[in-house]
Amino acid sequence: MKAKEQNSGPLSPVAKLLPEGKEWYTAKEAASVIGRSPQYVRDCFDNQTLLGHAMNARGKSGCEQRRSYQIPRASLLLYLLETANYRSGDYMERIAELLRQLGPAERRTLSDSLRAGSDSIWTR
C-alpha cells in the first residue's frame, strides 16, 4: 500500500495507527497496535479473527516447539475496521447534530471563528 493511499480514504483513521512501511507484525507488535495482550492476539489468530502465518520454530533441546506468528498489515487493518464502533460518516453526523442544538448566536460565533482561522472558538 502506498503512503498516499494509507493517509486518505475510508482506511485513514485506522491506517494511521500502524507504522508506515511496516508490512508484517509479530504477535507482540500486533498486541501493541490493538491494545491487547500477545496471548489475545495468538487466540485471535487461532480462531481466525486475525489472519497471517504461523511457523514452527525450534526451542531449546528437550523443550516443546515454539510457534512464531507473522500477521500482515492488511489483517490488522481489517481487524481494526471490524472492531470499530463507528463508520467514517459518524463524525460528521454527530457534528451536524451538535450544530443543530446550538442557538443562532452560538452558530454565528462558531462560524465567524472558523472563517477567521482562530485556534480556539473559546477565546472570544
PDB file of N, CA and C in Angstrom:
ATOM      1  N   MET A   1       0.847  -1.176   0.000  1.00  0.00           N
ATOM      2  CA  MET A   1       0.000   0.000   0.000  1.00  0.00           C
ATOM      3  C   MET A   1       0.892   1.238   0.000  1.00  0.00           C
ATOM      4  N   LYS A   2       0.630   2.171  -0.858  1.00  0.00           N
ATOM      5  CA  LYS A   2       1.449   3.370  -0.949  1.00  0.00           C
ATOM      6  C   LYS A   2       1.101   4.331   0.174  1.00  0.00           C
ATOM      7  N   ALA A   3       2.054   5.197   0.542  1.00  0.00           N
ATOM      8  CA  ALA A   3       1.852   6.131   1.644  1.00  0.00           C
ATOM      9  C   ALA A   3       0.655   7.036   1.411  1.00  0.00           C
ATOM     10  N   LYS A   4       0.474   7.523   0.170  1.00  0.00           N
ATOM     11  CA  LYS A   4      -0.659   8.403  -0.114  1.00  0.00           C
ATOM     12  C   LYS A   4      -1.978   7.686   0.089  1.00  0.00           C
ATOM     13  N   GLU A   5      -2.047   6.393  -0.292  1.00  0.00           N
ATOM     14  CA  GLU A   5      -3.262   5.618  -0.128  1.00  0.00           C
ATOM     15  C   GLU A   5      -3.568   5.379   1.341  1.00  0.00           C
ATOM     16  N   GLN A   6      -2.543   5.243   2.172  1.00  0.00           N
ATOM     17  CA  GLN A   6      -2.731   4.970   3.586  1.00  0.00           C
ATOM     18  C   GLN A   6      -3.309   6.165   4.326  1.00  0.00           C
ATOM     19  N   ASN A   7      -3.012   7.363   3.888  1.00  0.00           N
ATOM     20  CA  ASN A   7      -3.394   8.557   4.624  1.00  0.00           C
ATOM     21  C   ASN A   7      -4.665   9.211   4.116  1.00  0.00           C
ATOM     22  N   SER A   8      -5.405   8.543   3.227  1.00  0.00           N
ATOM     23  CA  SER A   8      -6.659   9.094   2.749  1.00  0.00           C
ATOM     24  C   SER A   8      -7.648   7.972   2.543  1.00  0.00           C
ATOM     25  N   GLY A   9      -8.917   8.330   2.450  1.00  0.00           N
ATOM     26  CA  GLY A   9      -9.952   7.341   2.205  1.00  0.00           C
ATOM     27  C   GLY A   9     -10.488   6.731   3.482  1.00  0.00           C
ATOM     28  N   PRO A  10     -11.326   5.695   3.340  1.00  0.00           N
ATOM     29  CA  PRO A  10     -12.001   5.128   4.492  1.00  0.00           C
ATOM     30  C   PRO A  10     -11.071   4.432   5.486  1.00  0.00           C
ATOM     31  N   LEU A  11      -9.878   4.032   5.063  1.00  0.00           N
ATOM     32  CA  LEU A  11      -8.935   3.387   5.976  1.00  0.00           C
ATOM     33  C   LEU A  11      -8.094   4.382   6.753  1.00  0.00           C
ATOM     34  N   SER A  12      -8.205   5.650   6.422  1.00  0.00           N
ATOM     35  CA  SER A  12      -7.349   6.667   7.006  1.00  0.00           C
ATOM     36  C   SER A  12      -7.304   6.657   8.533  1.00  0.00           C
ATOM     37  N   PRO A  13      -8.432   6.629   9.246  1.00  0.00           N
ATOM     38  CA  PRO A  13      -8.333   6.667  10.712  1.00  0.00           C
ATOM     39  C   PRO A  13      -7.576   5.490  11.301  1.00  0.00           C
ATOM     40  N   VAL A  14      -7.765   4.294  10.760  1.00  0.00           N
ATOM     41  CA  VAL A  14      -7.080   3.142  11.329  1.00  0.00           C
ATOM     42  C   VAL A  14      -5.691   2.941  10.754  1.00  0.00           C
ATOM     43  N   ALA A  15      -5.469   3.336   9.514  1.00  0.00           N
ATOM     44  CA  ALA A  15      -4.145   3.173   8.904  1.00  0.00           C
ATOM     45  C   ALA A  15      -3.097   3.981   9.663  1.00  0.00           C
ATOM     46  N   LYS A  16      -3.506   5.092  10.250  1.00  0.00           N
ATOM     47  CA  LYS A  16      -2.562   5.928  10.992  1.00  0.00           C
ATOM     48  C   LYS A  16      -2.118   5.276  12.298  1.00  0.00           C
ATOM     49  N   LEU A  17      -2.816   4.233  12.739  1.00  0.00           N
ATOM     50  CA  LEU A  17      -2.425   3.528  13.954  1.00  0.00           C
ATOM     51  C   LEU A  17      -1.224   2.613  13.728  1.00  0.00           C
ATOM     52  N   LEU A  18      -0.944   2.320  12.468  1.00  0.00           N
ATOM     53  CA  LEU A  18       0.142   1.404  12.134  1.00  0.00           C
ATOM     54  C   LEU A  18       1.335   2.175  11.585  1.00  0.00           C
ATOM     55  N   PRO A  19       2.544   1.791  11.968  1.00  0.00           N
ATOM     56  CA  PRO A  19       3.727   2.476  11.440  1.00  0.00           C
ATOM     57  C   PRO A  19       3.814   2.329   9.926  1.00  0.00           C
ATOM     58  N   GLU A  20       4.170   3.420   9.255  1.00  0.00           N
ATOM     59  CA  GLU A  20       4.299   3.383   7.795  1.00  0.00           C
ATOM     60  C   GLU A  20       5.493   2.520   7.399  1.00  0.00           C
ATOM     61  N   GLY A  21       5.317   1.794   6.321  1.00  0.00           N
ATOM     62  CA  GLY A  21       6.409   0.988   5.775  1.00  0.00           C
ATOM     63  C   GLY A  21       6.565  -0.374   6.412  1.00  0.00           C
ATOM     64  N   LYS A  22       5.823  -0.684   7.454  1.00  0.00           N
ATOM     65  CA  LYS A  22       5.921  -1.991   8.107  1.00  0.00           C
ATOM     66  C   LYS A  22       4.791  -2.865   7.593  1.00  0.00           C
ATOM     67  N   GLU A  23       5.134  -3.995   6.995  1.00  0.00           N
ATOM     68  CA  GLU A  23       4.128  -4.872   6.386  1.00  0.00           C
ATOM     69  C   GLU A  23       3.783  -6.085   7.242  1.00  0.00           C
ATOM     70  N   TRP A  24       4.697  -6.537   8.107  1.00  0.00           N
ATOM     71  CA  TRP A  24       4.476  -7.741   8.912  1.00  0.00           C
ATOM     72  C   TRP A  24       4.700  -7.436  10.383  1.00  0.00           C
ATOM     73  N   TYR A  25       3.872  -8.042  11.240  1.00  0.00           N
ATOM     74  CA  TYR A  25       3.924  -7.801  12.673  1.00  0.00           C
ATOM     75  C   TYR A  25       3.991  -9.124  13.427  1.00  0.00           C
ATOM     76  N   THR A  26       4.751  -9.139  14.507  1.00  0.00           N
ATOM     77  CA  THR A  26       4.766 -10.291  15.399  1.00  0.00           C
ATOM     78  C   THR A  26       3.521 -10.201  16.290  1.00  0.00           C
ATOM     79  N   ALA A  27       3.254 -11.243  17.050  1.00  0.00           N
ATOM     80  CA  ALA A  27       2.104 -11.221  17.968  1.00  0.00           C
ATOM     81  C   ALA A  27       2.260 -10.087  18.984  1.00  0.00           C
ATOM     82  N   LYS A  28       3.471  -9.867  19.454  1.00  0.00           N
ATOM     83  CA  LYS A  28       3.707  -8.803  20.436  1.00  0.00           C
ATOM     84  C   LYS A  28       3.478  -7.423  19.816  1.00  0.00           C
ATOM     85  N   GLU A  29       3.958  -7.208  18.603  1.00  0.00           N
ATOM     86  CA  GLU A  29       3.760  -5.929  17.926  1.00  0.00           C
ATOM     87  C   GLU A  29       2.282  -5.691  17.617  1.00  0.00           C
ATOM     88  N   ALA A  30       1.593  -6.742  17.145  1.00  0.00           N
ATOM     89  CA  ALA A  30       0.161  -6.623  16.849  1.00  0.00           C
ATOM     90  C   ALA A  30      -0.619  -6.311  18.114  1.00  0.00           C
ATOM     91  N   ALA A  31      -0.232  -6.931  19.226  1.00  0.00           N
ATOM     92  CA  ALA A  31      -0.892  -6.677  20.510  1.00  0.00           C
ATOM     93  C   ALA A  31      -0.744  -5.212  20.907  1.00  0.00           C
ATOM     94  N   SER A  32       0.410  -4.656  20.673  1.00  0.00           N
ATOM     95  CA  SER A  32       0.647  -3.249  20.985  1.00  0.00           C
ATOM     96  C   SER A  32      -0.251  -2.345  20.146  1.00  0.00           C
ATOM     97  N   VAL A  33      -0.424  -2.676  18.879  1.00  0.00           N
ATOM     98  CA  VAL A  33      -1.257  -1.876  17.978  1.00  0.00           C
ATOM     99  C   VAL A  33      -2.721  -1.901  18.406  1.00  0.00           C
ATOM    100  N   ILE A  34      -3.234  -3.092  18.732  1.00  0.00           N
ATOM    101  CA  ILE A  34      -4.664  -3.202  19.047  1.00  0.00           C
ATOM    102  C   ILE A  34      -4.967  -3.040  20.532  1.00  0.00           C
ATOM    103  N   GLY A  35      -3.932  -2.860  21.342  1.00  0.00           N
ATOM    104  CA  GLY A  35      -4.135  -2.603  22.760  1.00  0.00           C
ATOM    105  C   GLY A  35      -4.552  -3.825  23.559  1.00  0.00           C
ATOM    106  N   ARG A  36      -4.082  -4.970  23.170  1.00  0.00           N
ATOM    107  CA  ARG A  36      -4.405  -6.208  23.872  1.00  0.00           C
ATOM    108  C   ARG A  36      -3.111  -6.950  24.181  1.00  0.00           C
ATOM    109  N   SER A  37      -3.226  -8.113  24.793  1.00  0.00           N
ATOM    110  CA  SER A  37      -2.035  -8.899  25.131  1.00  0.00           C
ATOM    111  C   SER A  37      -1.596  -9.767  23.951  1.00  0.00           C
ATOM    112  N   PRO A  38      -0.321 -10.171  23.938  1.00  0.00           N
ATOM    113  CA  PRO A  38       0.129 -11.092  22.893  1.00  0.00           C
ATOM    114  C   PRO A  38      -0.677 -12.406  22.902  1.00  0.00           C
ATOM    115  N   GLN A  39      -1.088 -12.866  24.086  1.00  0.00           N
ATOM    116  CA  GLN A  39      -1.893 -14.095  24.152  1.00  0.00           C
ATOM    117  C   GLN A  39      -3.239 -13.888  23.469  1.00  0.00           C
ATOM    118  N   TYR A  40      -3.842 -12.721  23.633  1.00  0.00           N
ATOM    119  CA  TYR A  40      -5.099 -12.410  22.958  1.00  0.00           C
ATOM    120  C   TYR A  40      -4.905 -12.469  21.440  1.00  0.00           C
ATOM    121  N   VAL A  41      -3.802 -11.924  20.953  1.00  0.00           N
ATOM    122  CA  VAL A  41      -3.504 -11.944  19.514  1.00  0.00           C
ATOM    123  C   VAL A  41      -3.336 -13.383  19.039  1.00  0.00           C
ATOM    124  N   ARG A  42      -2.624 -14.204  19.813  1.00  0.00           N
ATOM    125  CA  ARG A  42      -2.453 -15.611  19.424  1.00  0.00           C
ATOM    126  C   ARG A  42      -3.806 -16.325  19.403  1.00  0.00           C
ATOM    127  N   ASP A  43      -4.672 -16.032  20.371  1.00  0.00           N
ATOM    128  CA  ASP A  43      -6.013 -16.628  20.394  1.00  0.00           C
ATOM    129  C   ASP A  43      -6.825 -16.181  19.179  1.00  0.00           C
ATOM    130  N   CYS A  44      -6.744 -14.885  18.834  1.00  0.00           N
ATOM    131  CA  CYS A  44      -7.436 -14.375  17.638  1.00  0.00           C
ATOM    132  C   CYS A  44      -6.913 -15.050  16.387  1.00  0.00           C
ATOM    133  N   PHE A  45      -5.620 -15.286  16.356  1.00  0.00           N
ATOM    134  CA  PHE A  45      -5.010 -15.962  15.215  1.00  0.00           C
ATOM    135  C   PHE A  45      -5.559 -17.389  15.120  1.00  0.00           C
ATOM    136  N   ASP A  46      -5.618 -18.083  16.255  1.00  0.00           N
ATOM    137  CA  ASP A  46      -6.078 -19.472  16.264  1.00  0.00           C
ATOM    138  C   ASP A  46      -7.548 -19.599  15.878  1.00  0.00           C
ATOM    139  N   ASN A  47      -8.383 -18.605  16.235  1.00  0.00           N
ATOM    140  CA  ASN A  47      -9.798 -18.685  15.840  1.00  0.00           C
ATOM    141  C   ASN A  47     -10.077 -17.885  14.559  1.00  0.00           C
ATOM    142  N   GLN A  48      -9.032 -17.497  13.869  1.00  0.00           N
ATOM    143  CA  GLN A  48      -9.062 -16.834  12.555  1.00  0.00           C
ATOM    144  C   GLN A  48      -9.733 -15.464  12.563  1.00  0.00           C
ATOM    145  N   THR A  49      -9.699 -14.775  13.690  1.00  0.00           N
ATOM    146  CA  THR A  49     -10.133 -13.383  13.731  1.00  0.00           C
ATOM    147  C   THR A  49      -9.036 -12.512  13.127  1.00  0.00           C
ATOM    148  N   LEU A  50      -7.792 -12.889  13.367  1.00  0.00           N
ATOM    149  CA  LEU A  50      -6.627 -12.278  12.716  1.00  0.00           C
ATOM    150  C   LEU A  50      -6.020 -13.338  11.799  1.00  0.00           C
ATOM    151  N   LEU A  51      -5.681 -12.936  10.594  1.00  0.00           N
ATOM    152  CA  LEU A  51      -5.113 -13.878   9.639  1.00  0.00           C
ATOM    153  C   LEU A  51      -3.624 -13.623   9.482  1.00  0.00           C
ATOM    154  N   GLY A  52      -2.890 -14.643   9.138  1.00  0.00           N
ATOM    155  CA  GLY A  52      -1.459 -14.491   8.942  1.00  0.00           C
ATOM    156  C   GLY A  52      -0.785 -15.835   8.778  1.00  0.00           C
ATOM    157  N   HIS A  53       0.458 -15.915   9.203  1.00  0.00           N
ATOM    158  CA  HIS A  53       1.248 -17.133   9.076  1.00  0.00           C
ATOM    159  C   HIS A  53       1.767 -17.539  10.447  1.00  0.00           C
ATOM    160  N   ALA A  54       1.707 -18.832  10.729  1.00  0.00           N
ATOM    161  CA  ALA A  54       2.312 -19.384  11.935  1.00  0.00           C
ATOM    162  C   ALA A  54       3.395 -20.353  11.491  1.00  0.00           C
ATOM    163  N   MET A  55       4.558 -20.216  12.090  1.00  0.00           N
ATOM    164  CA  MET A  55       5.672 -21.083  11.731  1.00  0.00           C
ATOM    165  C   MET A  55       6.183 -21.746  12.992  1.00  0.00           C
ATOM    166  N   ASN A  56       6.591 -22.981  12.863  1.00  0.00           N
ATOM    167  CA  ASN A  56       7.192 -23.667  13.994  1.00  0.00           C
ATOM    168  C   ASN A  56       8.660 -23.287  14.065  1.00  0.00           C
ATOM    169  N   ALA A  57       9.058 -22.892  15.231  1.00  0.00           N
ATOM    170  CA  ALA A  57      10.460 -22.545  15.452  1.00  0.00           C
ATOM    171  C   ALA A  57      11.020 -23.544  16.462  1.00  0.00           C
ATOM    172  N   ARG A  58      12.261 -23.797  16.367  1.00  0.00           N
ATOM    173  CA  ARG A  58      12.878 -24.740  17.304  1.00  0.00           C
ATOM    174  C   ARG A  58      13.095 -24.074  18.649  1.00  0.00           C
ATOM    175  N   GLY A  59      12.723 -24.789  19.688  1.00  0.00           N
ATOM    176  CA  GLY A  59      13.016 -24.340  21.043  1.00  0.00           C
ATOM    177  C   GLY A  59      14.321 -24.970  21.490  1.00  0.00           C
ATOM    178  N   LYS A  60      14.657 -24.776  22.747  1.00  0.00           N
ATOM    179  CA  LYS A  60      15.865 -25.403  23.289  1.00  0.00           C
ATOM    180  C   LYS A  60      15.681 -26.916  23.297  1.00  0.00           C
ATOM    181  N   SER A  61      16.763 -27.625  23.310  1.00  0.00           N
ATOM    182  CA  SER A  61      16.729 -29.075  23.299  1.00  0.00           C
ATOM    183  C   SER A  61      15.900 -29.590  24.476  1.00  0.00           C
ATOM    184  N   GLY A  62      14.960 -30.467  24.179  1.00  0.00           N
ATOM    185  CA  GLY A  62      14.125 -31.042  25.225  1.00  0.00           C
ATOM    186  C   GLY A  62      12.868 -30.236  25.504  1.00  0.00           C
ATOM    187  N   CYS A  63      12.769 -29.075  24.907  1.00  0.00           N
ATOM    188  CA  CYS A  63      11.576 -28.245  25.102  1.00  0.00           C
ATOM    189  C   CYS A  63      10.631 -28.448  23.929  1.00  0.00           C
ATOM    190  N   GLU A  64       9.384 -28.116  24.135  1.00  0.00           N
ATOM    191  CA  GLU A  64       8.423 -28.236  23.039  1.00  0.00           C
ATOM    192  C   GLU A  64       8.705 -27.168  21.991  1.00  0.00           C
ATOM    193  N   GLN A  65       8.175 -27.396  20.799  1.00  0.00           N
ATOM    194  CA  GLN A  65       8.380 -26.425  19.732  1.00  0.00           C
ATOM    195  C   GLN A  65       7.632 -25.141  20.021  1.00  0.00           C
ATOM    196  N   ARG A  66       8.154 -24.097  19.502  1.00  0.00           N
ATOM    197  CA  ARG A  66       7.588 -22.775  19.700  1.00  0.00           C
ATOM    198  C   ARG A  66       7.018 -22.281  18.374  1.00  0.00           C
ATOM    199  N   ARG A  67       5.837 -21.659  18.434  1.00  0.00           N
ATOM    200  CA  ARG A  67       5.240 -21.117  17.216  1.00  0.00           C
ATOM    201  C   ARG A  67       5.565 -19.634  17.113  1.00  0.00           C
ATOM    202  N   SER A  68       5.865 -19.232  15.913  1.00  0.00           N
ATOM    203  CA  SER A  68       6.127 -17.826  15.620  1.00  0.00           C
ATOM    204  C   SER A  68       5.001 -17.333  14.717  1.00  0.00           C
ATOM    205  N   TYR A  69       4.423 -16.180  15.043  1.00  0.00           N
ATOM    206  CA  TYR A  69       3.300 -15.643  14.292  1.00  0.00           C
ATOM    207  C   TYR A  69       3.745 -14.423  13.491  1.00  0.00           C
ATOM    208  N   GLN A  70       3.308 -14.356  12.254  1.00  0.00           N
ATOM    209  CA  GLN A  70       3.542 -13.200  11.397  1.00  0.00           C
ATOM    210  C   GLN A  70       2.180 -12.746  10.879  1.00  0.00           C
ATOM    211  N   ILE A  71       1.803 -11.526  11.221  1.00  0.00           N
ATOM    212  CA  ILE A  71       0.490 -11.002  10.865  1.00  0.00           C
ATOM    213  C   ILE A  71       0.689  -9.837   9.908  1.00  0.00           C
ATOM    214  N   PRO A  72       0.080  -9.904   8.720  1.00  0.00           N
ATOM    215  CA  PRO A  72       0.267  -8.823   7.749  1.00  0.00           C
ATOM    216  C   PRO A  72      -0.517  -7.568   8.136  1.00  0.00           C
ATOM    217  N   ARG A  73      -0.029  -6.453   7.684  1.00  0.00           N
ATOM    218  CA  ARG A  73      -0.654  -5.150   7.929  1.00  0.00           C
ATOM    219  C   ARG A  73      -2.137  -5.167   7.541  1.00  0.00           C
ATOM    220  N   ALA A  74      -2.460  -5.760   6.402  1.00  0.00           N
ATOM    221  CA  ALA A  74      -3.843  -5.802   5.924  1.00  0.00           C
ATOM    222  C   ALA A  74      -4.750  -6.519   6.917  1.00  0.00           C
ATOM    223  N   SER A  75      -4.260  -7.558   7.557  1.00  0.00           N
ATOM    224  CA  SER A  75      -5.054  -8.288   8.536  1.00  0.00           C
ATOM    225  C   SER A  75      -5.333  -7.420   9.769  1.00  0.00           C
ATOM    226  N   LEU A  76      -4.328  -6.671  10.205  1.00  0.00           N
ATOM    227  CA  LEU A  76      -4.529  -5.760  11.350  1.00  0.00           C
ATOM    228  C   LEU A  76      -5.518  -4.655  10.998  1.00  0.00           C
ATOM    229  N   LEU A  77      -5.398  -4.101   9.793  1.00  0.00           N
ATOM    230  CA  LEU A  77      -6.344  -3.071   9.360  1.00  0.00           C
ATOM    231  C   LEU A  77      -7.767  -3.621   9.331  1.00  0.00           C
ATOM    232  N   LEU A  78      -7.927  -4.819   8.805  1.00  0.00           N
ATOM    233  CA  LEU A  78      -9.242  -5.449   8.744  1.00  0.00           C
ATOM    234  C   LEU A  78      -9.796  -5.665  10.154  1.00  0.00           C
ATOM    235  N   TYR A  79      -8.966  -6.148  11.060  1.00  0.00           N
ATOM    236  CA  TYR A  79      -9.391  -6.358  12.445  1.00  0.00           C
ATOM    237  C   TYR A  79      -9.846  -5.036  13.072  1.00  0.00           C
ATOM    238  N   LEU A  80      -9.058  -3.985  12.890  1.00  0.00           N
ATOM    239  CA  LEU A  80      -9.404  -2.684  13.467  1.00  0.00           C
ATOM    240  C   LEU A  80     -10.712  -2.146  12.889  1.00  0.00           C
ATOM    241  N   LEU A  81     -10.931  -2.339  11.597  1.00  0.00           N
ATOM    242  CA  LEU A  81     -12.183  -1.894  10.978  1.00  0.00           C
ATOM    243  C   LEU A  81     -13.369  -2.704  11.485  1.00  0.00           C
ATOM    244  N   GLU A  82     -13.184  -4.005  11.631  1.00  0.00           N
ATOM    245  CA  GLU A  82     -14.280  -4.865  12.089  1.00  0.00           C
ATOM    246  C   GLU A  82     -14.657  -4.604  13.543  1.00  0.00           C
ATOM    247  N   THR A  83     -13.704  -4.195  14.346  1.00  0.00           N
ATOM    248  CA  THR A  83     -13.984  -3.988  15.771  1.00  0.00           C
ATOM    249  C   THR A  83     -14.298  -2.530  16.105  1.00  0.00           C
ATOM    250  N   ALA A  84     -14.236  -1.654  15.122  1.00  0.00           N
ATOM    251  CA  ALA A  84     -14.555  -0.237  15.360  1.00  0.00           C
ATOM    252  C   ALA A  84     -16.049  -0.080  15.620  1.00  0.00           C
ATOM    253  N   ASN A  85     -16.388   0.860  16.465  1.00  0.00           N
ATOM    254  CA  ASN A  85     -17.810   1.096  16.746  1.00  0.00           C
ATOM    255  C   ASN A  85     -18.297   2.355  16.040  1.00  0.00           C
ATOM    256  N   TYR A  86     -17.709   2.675  14.895  1.00  0.00           N
ATOM    257  CA  TYR A  86     -18.111   3.853  14.131  1.00  0.00           C
ATOM    258  C   TYR A  86     -17.939   3.587  12.644  1.00  0.00           C
ATOM    259  N   ARG A  87     -18.636   4.379  11.866  1.00  0.00           N
ATOM    260  CA  ARG A  87     -18.453   4.406  10.409  1.00  0.00           C
ATOM    261  C   ARG A  87     -17.762   5.727  10.087  1.00  0.00           C
ATOM    262  N   SER A  88     -17.213   5.835   8.899  1.00  0.00           N
ATOM    263  CA  SER A  88     -16.471   7.056   8.557  1.00  0.00           C
ATOM    264  C   SER A  88     -17.366   8.295   8.591  1.00  0.00           C
ATOM    265  N   GLY A  89     -18.661   8.192   8.295  1.00  0.00           N
ATOM    266  CA  GLY A  89     -19.563   9.348   8.306  1.00  0.00           C
ATOM    267  C   GLY A  89     -20.120   9.696   9.673  1.00  0.00           C
ATOM    268  N   ASP A  90     -19.872   8.865  10.675  1.00  0.00           N
ATOM    269  CA  ASP A  90     -20.434   9.109  12.013  1.00  0.00           C
ATOM    270  C   ASP A  90     -19.989  10.439  12.606  1.00  0.00           C
ATOM    271  N   TYR A  91     -18.743  10.810  12.389  1.00  0.00           N
ATOM    272  CA  TYR A  91     -18.238  12.056  12.962  1.00  0.00           C
ATOM    273  C   TYR A  91     -19.009  13.260  12.424  1.00  0.00           C
ATOM    274  N   MET A  92     -19.204  13.275  11.109  1.00  0.00           N
ATOM    275  CA  MET A  92     -19.922  14.399  10.506  1.00  0.00           C
ATOM    276  C   MET A  92     -21.373  14.439  10.971  1.00  0.00           C
ATOM    277  N   GLU A  93     -22.008  13.281  11.111  1.00  0.00           N
ATOM    278  CA  GLU A  93     -23.389  13.235  11.593  1.00  0.00           C
ATOM    279  C   GLU A  93     -23.489  13.798  13.008  1.00  0.00           C
ATOM    280  N   ARG A  94     -22.535  13.459  13.859  1.00  0.00           N
ATOM    281  CA  ARG A  94     -22.565  13.941  15.246  1.00  0.00           C
ATOM    282  C   ARG A  94     -22.269  15.436  15.328  1.00  0.00           C
ATOM    283  N   ILE A  95     -21.362  15.915  14.496  1.00  0.00           N
ATOM    284  CA  ILE A  95     -21.079  17.359  14.474  1.00  0.00           C
ATOM    285  C   ILE A  95     -22.305  18.109  13.994  1.00  0.00           C
ATOM    286  N   ALA A  96     -22.955  17.598  12.951  1.00  0.00           N
ATOM    287  CA  ALA A  96     -24.165  18.247  12.439  1.00  0.00           C
ATOM    288  C   ALA A  96     -25.252  18.290  13.519  1.00  0.00           C
ATOM    289  N   GLU A  97     -25.400  17.220  14.276  1.00  0.00           N
ATOM    290  CA  GLU A  97     -26.396  17.187  15.356  1.00  0.00           C
ATOM    291  C   GLU A  97     -26.054  18.217  16.437  1.00  0.00           C
ATOM    292  N   LEU A  98     -24.782  18.326  16.777  1.00  0.00           N
ATOM    293  CA  LEU A  98     -24.373  19.330  17.770  1.00  0.00           C
ATOM    294  C   LEU A  98     -24.663  20.741  17.273  1.00  0.00           C
ATOM    295  N   LEU A  99     -24.400  20.990  16.004  1.00  0.00           N
ATOM    296  CA  LEU A  99     -24.657  22.317  15.437  1.00  0.00           C
ATOM    297  C   LEU A  99     -26.145  22.648  15.460  1.00  0.00           C
ATOM    298  N   ARG A 100     -27.011  21.649  15.223  1.00  0.00           N
ATOM    299  CA  ARG A 100     -28.457  21.886  15.276  1.00  0.00           C
ATOM    300  C   ARG A 100     -28.912  22.266  16.678  1.00  0.00           C
ATOM    301  N   GLN A 101     -28.171  21.835  17.681  1.00  0.00           N
ATOM    302  CA  GLN A 101     -28.539  22.121  19.067  1.00  0.00           C
ATOM    303  C   GLN A 101     -28.106  23.516  19.510  1.00  0.00           C
ATOM    304  N   LEU A 102     -27.210  24.155  18.762  1.00  0.00           N
ATOM    305  CA  LEU A 102     -26.745  25.496  19.117  1.00  0.00           C
ATOM    306  C   LEU A 102     -27.785  26.545  18.725  1.00  0.00           C
ATOM    307  N   GLY A 103     -27.796  27.612  19.483  1.00  0.00           N
ATOM    308  CA  GLY A 103     -28.653  28.735  19.134  1.00  0.00           C
ATOM    309  C   GLY A 103     -28.038  29.539  18.001  1.00  0.00           C
ATOM    310  N   PRO A 104     -28.819  30.443  17.391  1.00  0.00           N
ATOM    311  CA  PRO A 104     -28.309  31.237  16.255  1.00  0.00           C
ATOM    312  C   PRO A 104     -27.056  32.039  16.611  1.00  0.00           C
ATOM    313  N   ALA A 105     -27.024  32.641  17.793  1.00  0.00           N
ATOM    314  CA  ALA A 105     -25.857  33.443  18.185  1.00  0.00           C
ATOM    315  C   ALA A 105     -24.607  32.567  18.329  1.00  0.00           C
ATOM    316  N   GLU A 106     -24.773  31.378  18.934  1.00  0.00           N
ATOM    317  CA  GLU A 106     -23.633  30.467  19.093  1.00  0.00           C
ATOM    318  C   GLU A 106     -23.128  29.964  17.742  1.00  0.00           C
ATOM    319  N   ARG A 107     -24.051  29.672  16.831  1.00  0.00           N
ATOM    320  CA  ARG A 107     -23.651  29.235  15.492  1.00  0.00           C
ATOM    321  C   ARG A 107     -22.903  30.331  14.758  1.00  0.00           C
ATOM    322  N   ARG A 108     -23.375  31.571  14.897  1.00  0.00           N
ATOM    323  CA  ARG A 108     -22.728  32.706  14.243  1.00  0.00           C
ATOM    324  C   ARG A 108     -21.311  32.884  14.797  1.00  0.00           C
ATOM    325  N   THR A 109     -21.152  32.802  16.124  1.00  0.00           N
ATOM    326  CA  THR A 109     -19.829  32.929  16.748  1.00  0.00           C
ATOM    327  C   THR A 109     -18.897  31.834  16.250  1.00  0.00           C
ATOM    328  N   LEU A 110     -19.404  30.610  16.200  1.00  0.00           N
ATOM    329  CA  LEU A 110     -18.608  29.490  15.716  1.00  0.00           C
ATOM    330  C   LEU A 110     -18.219  29.703  14.257  1.00  0.00           C
ATOM    331  N   SER A 111     -19.159  30.106  13.440  1.00  0.00           N
ATOM    332  CA  SER A 111     -18.908  30.345  12.023  1.00  0.00           C
ATOM    333  C   SER A 111     -17.861  31.439  11.827  1.00  0.00           C
ATOM    334  N   ASP A 112     -17.999  32.536  12.570  1.00  0.00           N
ATOM    335  CA  ASP A 112     -17.022  33.626  12.472  1.00  0.00           C
ATOM    336  C   ASP A 112     -15.632  33.152  12.875  1.00  0.00           C
ATOM    337  N   SER A 113     -15.544  32.361  13.938  1.00  0.00           N
ATOM    338  CA  SER A 113     -14.250  31.857  14.408  1.00  0.00           C
ATOM    339  C   SER A 113     -13.612  30.949  13.371  1.00  0.00           C
ATOM    340  N   LEU A 114     -14.420  30.113  12.754  1.00  0.00           N
ATOM    341  CA  LEU A 114     -13.875  29.202  11.736  1.00  0.00           C
ATOM    342  C   LEU A 114     -13.397  29.958  10.509  1.00  0.00           C
ATOM    343  N   ARG A 115     -14.160  30.969  10.092  1.00  0.00           N
ATOM    344  CA  ARG A 115     -13.742  31.773   8.933  1.00  0.00           C
ATOM    345  C   ARG A 115     -12.461  32.540   9.225  1.00  0.00           C
ATOM    346  N   ALA A 116     -12.313  33.022  10.458  1.00  0.00           N
ATOM    347  CA  ALA A 116     -11.138  33.807  10.832  1.00  0.00           C
ATOM    348  C   ALA A 116      -9.908  32.929  11.030  1.00  0.00           C
ATOM    349  N   GLY A 117     -10.118  31.618  11.128  1.00  0.00           N
ATOM    350  CA  GLY A 117      -8.981  30.722  11.335  1.00  0.00           C
ATOM    351  C   GLY A 117      -8.470  30.737  12.752  1.00  0.00           C
ATOM    352  N   SER A 118      -9.310  31.090  13.687  1.00  0.00           N
ATOM    353  CA  SER A 118      -8.932  31.144  15.094  1.00  0.00           C
ATOM    354  C   SER A 118      -8.529  29.758  15.587  1.00  0.00           C
ATOM    355  N   ASP A 119      -7.519  29.711  16.456  1.00  0.00           N
ATOM    356  CA  ASP A 119      -7.107  28.444  17.044  1.00  0.00           C
ATOM    357  C   ASP A 119      -8.161  27.904  17.998  1.00  0.00           C
ATOM    358  N   SER A 120      -8.891  28.793  18.629  1.00  0.00           N
ATOM    359  CA  SER A 120      -9.883  28.361  19.596  1.00  0.00           C
ATOM    360  C   SER A 120     -11.119  29.238  19.516  1.00  0.00           C
ATOM    361  N   ILE A 121     -12.281  28.613  19.492  1.00  0.00           N
ATOM    362  CA  ILE A 121     -13.536  29.379  19.492  1.00  0.00           C
ATOM    363  C   ILE A 121     -13.849  29.899  20.886  1.00  0.00           C
ATOM    364  N   TRP A 122     -13.137  29.396  21.896  1.00  0.00           N
ATOM    365  CA  TRP A 122     -13.440  29.749  23.277  1.00  0.00           C
ATOM    366  C   TRP A 122     -12.712  30.997  23.729  1.00  0.00           C
ATOM    367  N   THR A 123     -11.831  31.552  22.884  1.00  0.00           N
ATOM    368  CA  THR A 123     -11.076  32.748  23.281  1.00  0.00           C
ATOM    369  C   THR A 123     -11.866  34.029  23.042  1.00  0.00           C
ATOM    370  N   ARG A 124     -13.013  33.936  22.428  1.00  0.00           N
ATOM    371  CA  ARG A 124     -13.797  35.148  22.155  1.00  0.00           C
ATOM    372  C   ARG A 124     -14.687  35.485  23.297  1.00  0.00           C
TER     373      ARG A 124
END
